[in-house]
N, C-alpha and C. Protein backbone atom coordinates (compact mmCIF):
# COMPACT_ATOMS: atom_id res chain seq x y z
N MET A 1 -3.70 147.74 71.64
CA MET A 1 -3.36 148.23 73.29
C MET A 1 -1.91 147.62 73.27
N ASN A 2 -1.56 146.61 73.28
CA ASN A 2 0.46 146.86 72.52
C ASN A 2 0.61 147.45 71.97
N ASP A 3 0.64 148.87 70.74
CA ASP A 3 1.06 149.44 70.23
C ASP A 3 1.61 150.51 71.88
N LYS A 4 -0.17 150.95 72.28
CA LYS A 4 0.83 151.95 73.57
C LYS A 4 1.54 151.08 74.19
N ILE A 5 1.65 149.62 74.28
CA ILE A 5 2.48 150.14 75.71
C ILE A 5 4.00 150.24 75.07
N ALA A 6 3.77 149.46 74.08
CA ALA A 6 5.19 150.03 73.09
C ALA A 6 5.91 151.53 72.87
N ARG A 7 4.60 151.99 72.54
CA ARG A 7 5.54 153.28 72.52
C ARG A 7 5.77 153.87 73.37
N PHE A 8 5.03 153.78 75.03
CA PHE A 8 5.70 154.07 76.57
C PHE A 8 6.13 153.58 76.75
N ASN A 9 7.05 152.21 76.48
CA ASN A 9 8.36 151.56 76.74
C ASN A 9 9.50 152.29 76.18
N LYS A 10 8.80 152.76 75.17
CA LYS A 10 10.06 153.93 74.34
C LYS A 10 10.35 155.51 75.04
N LEU A 11 8.93 155.32 75.06
CA LEU A 11 9.10 156.77 75.67
C LEU A 11 9.98 156.57 77.47
N GLU A 12 10.11 155.11 77.82
CA GLU A 12 10.61 154.93 79.20
C GLU A 12 11.94 155.46 78.80
N ASP A 13 12.03 154.10 77.94
CA ASP A 13 13.60 153.84 77.09
C ASP A 13 14.24 155.54 76.89
N LEU A 14 13.88 156.29 76.85
CA LEU A 14 14.23 157.43 76.45
C LEU A 14 14.23 158.71 77.25
N LYS A 15 13.86 158.47 78.17
CA LYS A 15 13.62 159.36 79.64
C LYS A 15 14.51 158.42 80.26
N LYS A 16 14.88 157.12 80.90
CA LYS A 16 16.22 156.39 81.11
C LYS A 16 17.74 157.19 80.44
N LYS A 17 17.67 156.98 79.21
CA LYS A 17 18.97 157.73 78.39
C LYS A 17 19.14 158.77 78.69
N GLU A 18 17.83 159.82 78.33
CA GLU A 18 18.19 161.42 79.62
C GLU A 18 18.69 161.13 80.53
N VAL A 19 18.80 160.75 81.82
CA VAL A 19 18.93 160.63 82.64
C VAL A 19 20.83 160.18 83.12
N GLU A 20 21.05 158.61 82.41
CA GLU A 20 22.28 158.79 81.99
C GLU A 20 22.85 159.59 81.46
N SER A 21 22.51 160.11 80.35
CA SER A 21 23.19 160.89 79.97
C SER A 21 23.33 162.49 80.77
N LEU A 22 22.61 163.04 81.46
CA LEU A 22 22.63 164.06 82.38
C LEU A 22 23.76 163.35 83.70
N GLU A 23 24.02 162.26 84.36
CA GLU A 23 24.41 161.05 85.20
C GLU A 23 26.17 161.42 84.29
N TRP A 24 26.49 161.34 83.44
CA TRP A 24 27.70 161.11 83.33
C TRP A 24 28.64 162.47 82.71
N ALA A 25 27.21 163.86 82.04
CA ALA A 25 27.61 165.64 82.42
C ALA A 25 27.50 165.63 83.83
N LEU A 26 27.02 165.16 84.72
CA LEU A 26 27.39 165.89 85.95
C LEU A 26 28.68 164.90 86.43
N GLU A 27 29.08 164.07 86.30
CA GLU A 27 30.36 163.50 86.34
C GLU A 27 31.72 164.08 85.91
N GLU A 28 31.35 164.43 84.10
CA GLU A 28 32.27 165.38 83.82
C GLU A 28 32.90 166.19 84.76
N GLN A 29 31.42 166.93 84.88
CA GLN A 29 31.12 169.07 85.89
C GLN A 29 32.55 168.91 86.81
N LYS A 30 31.34 167.67 87.34
CA LYS A 30 32.56 167.25 88.69
C LYS A 30 33.98 166.96 88.94
N LYS A 31 34.50 166.73 87.61
CA LYS A 31 36.26 166.27 87.32
C LYS A 31 36.43 167.86 86.81
N VAL A 32 35.52 168.40 86.46
CA VAL A 32 35.91 169.92 86.13
C VAL A 32 36.70 170.71 87.48
N LYS A 33 35.39 170.64 88.22
CA LYS A 33 34.99 171.23 89.49
C LYS A 33 36.49 170.29 90.64
N GLU A 34 36.77 169.52 90.17
CA GLU A 34 38.40 168.58 91.66
C GLU A 34 39.45 169.61 90.08
N GLY A 35 39.34 169.48 89.03
CA GLY A 35 40.99 169.74 88.46
C GLY A 35 41.38 171.55 89.08
N ILE A 36 39.38 172.54 89.14
CA ILE A 36 39.68 174.09 89.61
C ILE A 36 40.20 173.41 90.92
N LYS A 37 39.60 172.90 91.35
CA LYS A 37 40.16 172.69 93.36
C LYS A 37 41.47 172.88 93.14
N GLU A 38 42.32 171.10 92.19
CA GLU A 38 43.25 171.29 92.59
C GLU A 38 44.71 172.32 91.73
N TYR A 39 43.71 173.25 90.97
CA TYR A 39 44.59 174.14 90.36
C TYR A 39 45.05 175.19 91.25
N LEU A 40 43.56 176.38 91.99
CA LEU A 40 44.18 176.64 93.07
C LEU A 40 44.64 176.38 93.94
N SER A 41 45.03 175.10 94.50
CA SER A 41 45.42 174.94 95.97
C SER A 41 46.98 175.00 95.44
N SER A 42 47.03 175.25 93.85
CA SER A 42 48.74 175.08 93.84
C SER A 42 48.87 176.85 93.69
N LEU A 43 47.89 176.94 92.96
CA LEU A 43 48.63 178.63 92.95
C LEU A 43 48.36 178.94 94.95
N LYS A 44 48.16 178.43 95.34
CA LYS A 44 48.08 179.15 96.39
C LYS A 44 49.46 179.10 97.26
N GLN A 45 49.79 177.15 97.07
CA GLN A 45 50.94 177.15 97.29
C GLN A 45 52.48 178.17 96.33
N GLU A 46 52.06 178.10 95.39
CA GLU A 46 53.12 178.61 94.57
C GLU A 46 53.24 180.29 95.21
N ARG A 47 51.77 180.61 95.40
CA ARG A 47 52.15 182.23 96.08
C ARG A 47 53.03 182.51 97.29
N THR A 48 52.60 181.69 98.11
CA THR A 48 52.87 181.62 99.20
C THR A 48 54.73 181.25 99.37
N LYS A 49 55.30 180.02 98.52
CA LYS A 49 56.15 179.94 98.01
C LYS A 49 56.81 181.64 97.87
N MET A 50 56.22 182.15 96.12
CA MET A 50 57.03 183.85 96.42
C MET A 50 57.09 184.84 97.15
N LEU A 51 55.75 184.68 98.32
CA LEU A 51 55.68 186.01 99.17
C LEU A 51 57.58 185.28 100.34
N ALA A 52 57.11 184.33 100.29
CA ALA A 52 58.18 182.99 101.17
C ALA A 52 60.12 183.89 100.48
N GLU A 53 59.79 184.48 99.79
CA GLU A 53 61.45 184.42 98.54
C GLU A 53 61.70 186.03 98.68
N PHE A 54 59.99 186.67 98.25
CA PHE A 54 59.76 187.77 98.45
C PHE A 54 60.69 188.46 100.05
N GLY A 55 60.15 187.83 100.54
CA GLY A 55 61.13 188.06 102.16
C GLY A 55 61.91 187.96 102.22
N LEU A 56 62.28 186.98 101.41
CA LEU A 56 63.75 186.77 101.66
C LEU A 56 65.01 187.47 100.66
N LYS A 57 63.92 188.09 99.68
CA LYS A 57 65.35 188.41 99.12
C LYS A 57 64.88 189.66 99.34
N ASN A 58 63.50 190.57 99.87
CA ASN A 58 63.62 191.26 100.82
C ASN A 58 64.46 192.20 101.78
N ASN A 59 65.39 190.98 102.37
CA ASN A 59 65.75 191.24 103.55
C ASN A 59 67.62 191.14 102.60
N ASP A 60 67.72 190.58 102.10
CA ASP A 60 69.06 189.74 101.07
C ASP A 60 69.53 191.28 100.42
N VAL A 61 69.02 191.65 99.65
CA VAL A 61 68.90 192.18 98.14
C VAL A 61 68.28 193.67 98.25
N PHE A 62 69.43 194.59 97.76
CA PHE A 62 68.52 195.88 97.55
C PHE A 62 68.10 196.20 95.95
N ASP A 63 68.32 195.00 95.35
CA ASP A 63 68.00 195.67 93.80
C ASP A 63 66.11 195.40 93.16
N ILE A 64 66.29 196.97 93.09
CA ILE A 64 64.57 196.93 93.42
C ILE A 64 64.17 195.80 91.83
N ASP A 65 64.83 196.03 90.79
CA ASP A 65 64.38 195.15 89.25
C ASP A 65 63.98 193.78 90.41
N GLU A 66 64.70 192.75 91.04
CA GLU A 66 64.38 191.50 91.24
C GLU A 66 62.99 191.49 91.90
N LEU A 67 63.22 192.48 92.84
CA LEU A 67 61.51 192.88 94.00
C LEU A 67 60.97 193.68 93.48
N TRP A 68 60.78 194.16 92.81
CA TRP A 68 59.61 194.26 91.17
C TRP A 68 59.16 192.85 89.88
N ASP A 69 59.94 191.94 89.85
CA ASP A 69 59.63 191.44 89.49
C ASP A 69 58.81 190.22 89.91
N ILE A 70 59.43 189.56 91.43
CA ILE A 70 58.55 188.76 92.08
C ILE A 70 57.43 189.80 92.59
N ARG A 71 57.45 190.75 93.03
CA ARG A 71 56.10 191.66 93.16
C ARG A 71 54.94 190.95 92.17
N LYS A 72 55.36 191.40 90.41
CA LYS A 72 54.86 191.48 90.00
C LYS A 72 54.73 189.81 89.64
N GLU A 73 55.47 189.39 89.11
CA GLU A 73 54.62 187.26 90.42
C GLU A 73 53.40 186.88 90.98
N ILE A 74 54.11 187.36 91.88
CA ILE A 74 52.49 187.68 92.84
C ILE A 74 50.58 188.10 91.96
N GLU A 75 51.08 189.37 91.89
CA GLU A 75 49.43 189.72 91.26
C GLU A 75 49.51 189.28 90.36
N LEU A 76 49.98 188.63 89.74
CA LEU A 76 49.39 187.67 88.42
C LEU A 76 49.21 186.55 89.44
N LEU A 77 49.83 186.09 90.35
CA LEU A 77 48.95 184.04 90.63
C LEU A 77 48.05 185.41 91.14
N ASP A 78 47.91 186.07 92.15
CA ASP A 78 46.49 186.38 92.83
C ASP A 78 45.76 186.81 91.32
N GLU A 79 45.67 187.24 90.65
CA GLU A 79 44.82 187.63 90.06
C GLU A 79 44.79 185.71 88.54
N LYS A 80 45.65 185.38 88.53
CA LYS A 80 44.54 183.98 87.58
C LYS A 80 43.88 183.71 89.50
N THR A 81 44.34 183.54 90.91
CA THR A 81 43.54 182.91 91.49
C THR A 81 42.80 183.62 90.82
N THR A 82 42.03 184.35 91.43
CA THR A 82 41.26 185.13 91.21
C THR A 82 40.17 185.07 90.03
N TYR A 83 40.57 184.81 88.80
CA TYR A 83 39.79 184.11 87.92
C TYR A 83 39.53 182.63 88.39
N ALA A 84 40.48 181.85 88.69
CA ALA A 84 40.26 180.44 88.88
C ALA A 84 38.16 179.91 90.10
N SER A 85 38.83 181.58 90.58
CA SER A 85 38.01 181.44 91.94
C SER A 85 36.45 181.91 91.33
N SER A 86 36.10 182.38 90.73
CA SER A 86 35.12 182.78 89.55
C SER A 86 34.51 181.72 88.73
N GLU A 87 35.81 180.81 87.97
CA GLU A 87 35.16 179.66 87.48
C GLU A 87 34.76 179.19 88.65
N LEU A 88 35.62 178.48 89.46
CA LEU A 88 34.88 177.75 90.17
C LEU A 88 33.51 177.34 90.84
N LYS A 89 33.02 178.68 91.01
CA LYS A 89 31.92 179.30 91.20
C LYS A 89 30.75 179.05 90.09
N LYS A 90 31.55 178.69 88.79
CA LYS A 90 30.45 179.21 87.85
C LYS A 90 30.70 177.67 87.82
N CYS A 91 31.34 176.26 87.73
CA CYS A 91 31.32 174.91 87.76
C CYS A 91 30.62 174.56 88.87
N GLU A 92 30.56 175.17 89.56
CA GLU A 92 29.15 174.89 90.90
C GLU A 92 27.82 174.86 90.96
N ALA A 93 27.81 176.07 89.97
CA ALA A 93 27.14 176.59 90.13
C ALA A 93 25.73 175.38 89.22
N MET A 94 27.05 175.30 87.61
CA MET A 94 26.62 174.19 86.67
C MET A 94 26.05 172.74 87.44
N VAL A 95 26.95 172.15 88.25
CA VAL A 95 27.50 171.18 89.05
C VAL A 95 25.91 171.14 89.58
N GLU A 96 24.97 172.44 90.36
CA GLU A 96 23.68 172.42 91.06
C GLU A 96 22.77 172.46 89.77
N ASN A 97 22.90 173.04 89.00
CA ASN A 97 21.82 173.03 87.79
C ASN A 97 21.92 171.91 87.49
N ILE A 98 22.80 170.92 87.08
CA ILE A 98 22.96 170.01 86.21
C ILE A 98 21.79 168.81 87.97
N MET A 99 22.43 169.13 88.43
CA MET A 99 21.94 168.30 89.75
C MET A 99 20.56 168.21 89.62
N LYS A 100 19.49 169.35 89.28
CA LYS A 100 18.51 169.51 89.38
C LYS A 100 17.39 169.45 88.59
N GLU A 101 17.95 169.30 86.95
CA GLU A 101 17.76 168.99 86.34
C GLU A 101 17.63 167.36 86.34
N LEU A 102 18.75 166.28 86.62
CA LEU A 102 18.70 165.43 87.12
C LEU A 102 17.34 164.55 87.81
N LEU A 103 17.62 165.80 88.54
CA LEU A 103 16.23 165.08 89.98
C LEU A 103 14.98 165.08 88.85
N ASN A 104 14.70 166.10 88.15
CA ASN A 104 13.29 166.34 87.47
C ASN A 104 13.36 164.99 86.43
N LYS A 105 14.93 164.57 85.95
CA LYS A 105 14.55 163.63 84.89
C LYS A 105 14.04 162.46 84.98
N HIS A 106 14.79 162.58 86.23
CA HIS A 106 14.40 160.83 87.76
C HIS A 106 12.28 160.87 87.99
N LYS A 107 12.40 161.22 88.43
CA LYS A 107 10.67 162.31 87.83
C LYS A 107 9.80 161.47 86.91
N GLU A 108 10.86 162.52 85.64
CA GLU A 108 9.46 162.15 84.59
C GLU A 108 10.09 160.64 84.39
N ALA A 109 11.35 159.96 84.36
CA ALA A 109 11.24 158.70 84.01
C ALA A 109 10.41 157.95 85.18
N LYS A 110 10.57 158.14 86.28
CA LYS A 110 9.70 157.66 87.23
C LYS A 110 7.58 157.30 86.39
N VAL A 111 7.51 158.65 86.05
CA VAL A 111 6.42 159.01 86.07
C VAL A 111 5.73 157.66 85.26
N MET A 112 6.97 157.84 84.38
CA MET A 112 7.33 157.25 82.88
C MET A 112 6.40 155.72 82.93
N GLU A 113 7.75 154.73 83.77
CA GLU A 113 7.54 153.87 84.19
C GLU A 113 6.82 153.28 84.86
N LYS A 114 5.42 154.58 85.57
CA LYS A 114 4.46 154.00 86.48
C LYS A 114 3.75 153.99 85.10
N ALA A 115 3.67 154.94 84.81
CA ALA A 115 2.69 155.21 83.82
C ALA A 115 2.57 153.61 82.67
N ALA A 116 3.62 152.85 82.25
CA ALA A 116 3.94 152.17 81.84
C ALA A 116 3.15 150.57 82.45
N ASN A 117 3.91 150.91 83.78
CA ASN A 117 3.08 149.25 84.02
C ASN A 117 1.54 149.63 84.56
N ARG A 118 0.80 150.39 84.78
CA ARG A 118 -0.36 150.18 84.98
C ARG A 118 -1.22 150.13 83.67
N LEU A 119 0.07 150.31 82.51
CA LEU A 119 -1.22 150.34 81.60
C LEU A 119 -0.72 148.59 81.12
N VAL A 120 0.33 148.07 81.55
CA VAL A 120 0.59 147.09 81.23
C VAL A 120 -0.54 145.91 82.37
N GLU A 121 -0.58 146.47 83.66
CA GLU A 121 -1.60 146.06 84.23
C GLU A 121 -3.08 145.87 83.57
N ARG A 122 -3.27 147.31 83.09
CA ARG A 122 -4.46 147.43 82.25
C ARG A 122 -4.99 146.16 81.79
N GLU A 123 -3.58 145.72 80.80
CA GLU A 123 -3.99 145.29 79.63
C GLU A 123 -4.07 143.92 80.02
N LYS A 124 -3.26 143.47 81.46
CA LYS A 124 -3.42 142.15 82.40
C LYS A 124 -4.70 142.18 82.15
N SER A 125 -5.47 142.90 82.96
CA SER A 125 -6.75 142.64 83.81
C SER A 125 -7.66 142.79 82.71
N GLU A 126 -7.25 143.37 82.06
CA GLU A 126 -8.89 142.64 80.48
C GLU A 126 -8.32 141.28 80.21
N GLN A 127 -6.86 140.91 79.56
CA GLN A 127 -7.12 139.79 78.82
C GLN A 127 -7.64 138.84 79.86
N LEU A 128 -7.36 139.06 81.16
CA LEU A 128 -7.91 137.85 82.10
C LEU A 128 -9.68 137.65 82.12
N ALA A 129 -9.75 139.26 81.86
CA ALA A 129 -11.33 139.06 82.34
C ALA A 129 -12.12 138.25 80.39
N ASN A 130 -11.20 138.64 79.48
CA ASN A 130 -11.85 138.20 78.27
C ASN A 130 -11.28 136.26 77.87
N GLU A 131 -10.49 136.26 78.76
CA GLU A 131 -10.28 134.76 79.79
C GLU A 131 -11.27 133.64 80.35
N GLN A 132 -11.46 135.04 81.36
CA GLN A 132 -12.66 134.27 81.80
C GLN A 132 -14.01 134.20 81.37
N ALA A 133 -14.15 135.40 80.74
CA ALA A 133 -15.35 135.19 79.51
C ALA A 133 -15.57 134.28 78.65
N ALA A 134 -14.41 134.16 77.97
CA ALA A 134 -14.35 132.99 77.58
C ALA A 134 -14.42 131.12 78.26
N ILE A 135 -14.36 131.53 79.02
CA ILE A 135 -14.11 130.33 79.64
C ILE A 135 -15.47 130.21 79.81
N ASP A 136 -16.15 131.12 80.69
CA ASP A 136 -17.45 130.51 81.00
C ASP A 136 -19.07 130.26 80.00
N ASP A 137 -17.96 131.34 78.75
CA ASP A 137 -19.26 130.75 77.93
C ASP A 137 -18.73 129.54 77.31
N LEU A 138 -17.52 128.92 77.58
CA LEU A 138 -17.43 127.38 77.42
C LEU A 138 -18.12 126.45 77.72
N SER A 139 -18.58 127.14 79.34
CA SER A 139 -18.18 126.39 80.20
C SER A 139 -20.50 126.40 80.09
N GLN A 140 -20.91 127.29 79.77
CA GLN A 140 -22.16 127.99 79.60
C GLN A 140 -22.51 126.47 78.42
N THR A 141 -22.28 126.45 77.25
CA THR A 141 -22.63 125.99 76.56
C THR A 141 -22.05 124.37 76.05
N ARG A 142 -20.99 123.90 76.81
CA ARG A 142 -20.80 122.68 77.88
C ARG A 142 -21.88 122.00 78.44
N TYR A 143 -22.23 122.53 79.53
CA TYR A 143 -23.34 122.29 80.47
C TYR A 143 -24.49 122.56 79.90
N GLY A 144 -24.69 123.47 79.22
CA GLY A 144 -25.88 124.26 78.74
C GLY A 144 -26.67 124.80 80.29
N ARG A 145 -26.11 125.17 81.18
CA ARG A 145 -26.84 125.98 82.65
C ARG A 145 -26.85 127.13 81.71
N ASN A 146 -27.55 128.29 82.41
CA ASN A 146 -27.44 129.78 82.78
C ASN A 146 -27.27 130.28 83.71
N ASP A 147 -27.29 129.21 85.03
CA ASP A 147 -26.28 129.98 86.80
C ASP A 147 -25.81 129.53 87.27
N VAL A 148 -24.26 129.39 85.94
CA VAL A 148 -22.97 128.89 86.07
C VAL A 148 -22.34 130.45 85.49
N LEU A 149 -21.16 130.88 86.63
CA LEU A 149 -20.57 132.33 86.40
C LEU A 149 -19.24 131.92 86.06
């Protein structure tokens, strides 16, 4: 029975390590998500600055090459923003998946913990019953009475 308890404890420890691993992965993915959000924010600020510069150049200078270059930079920023937005959505989906998996692993760990606890309790009750039977046998042999339970 002790071997069974040891196996259950090992399985319980394994489930807890899986949970810890997923918690770490979740934290890392959240950091990536925050990094992408900051990058998107900086791209939006840069785009706003470029649009303001484009407006100033458009009013002050009639050099088409300069306006074209600024327009191309704005388009490049828009492409980067689109790509970063898609990466953010992927990252959010990964966070969601990790959270679902983490919830399942938490449930599995709880089930293993309860099973191990039930096994330990059953072992204790069997041990107590055996001890009580031994005490009863001892008292019966000592006092020689059959009516002692």
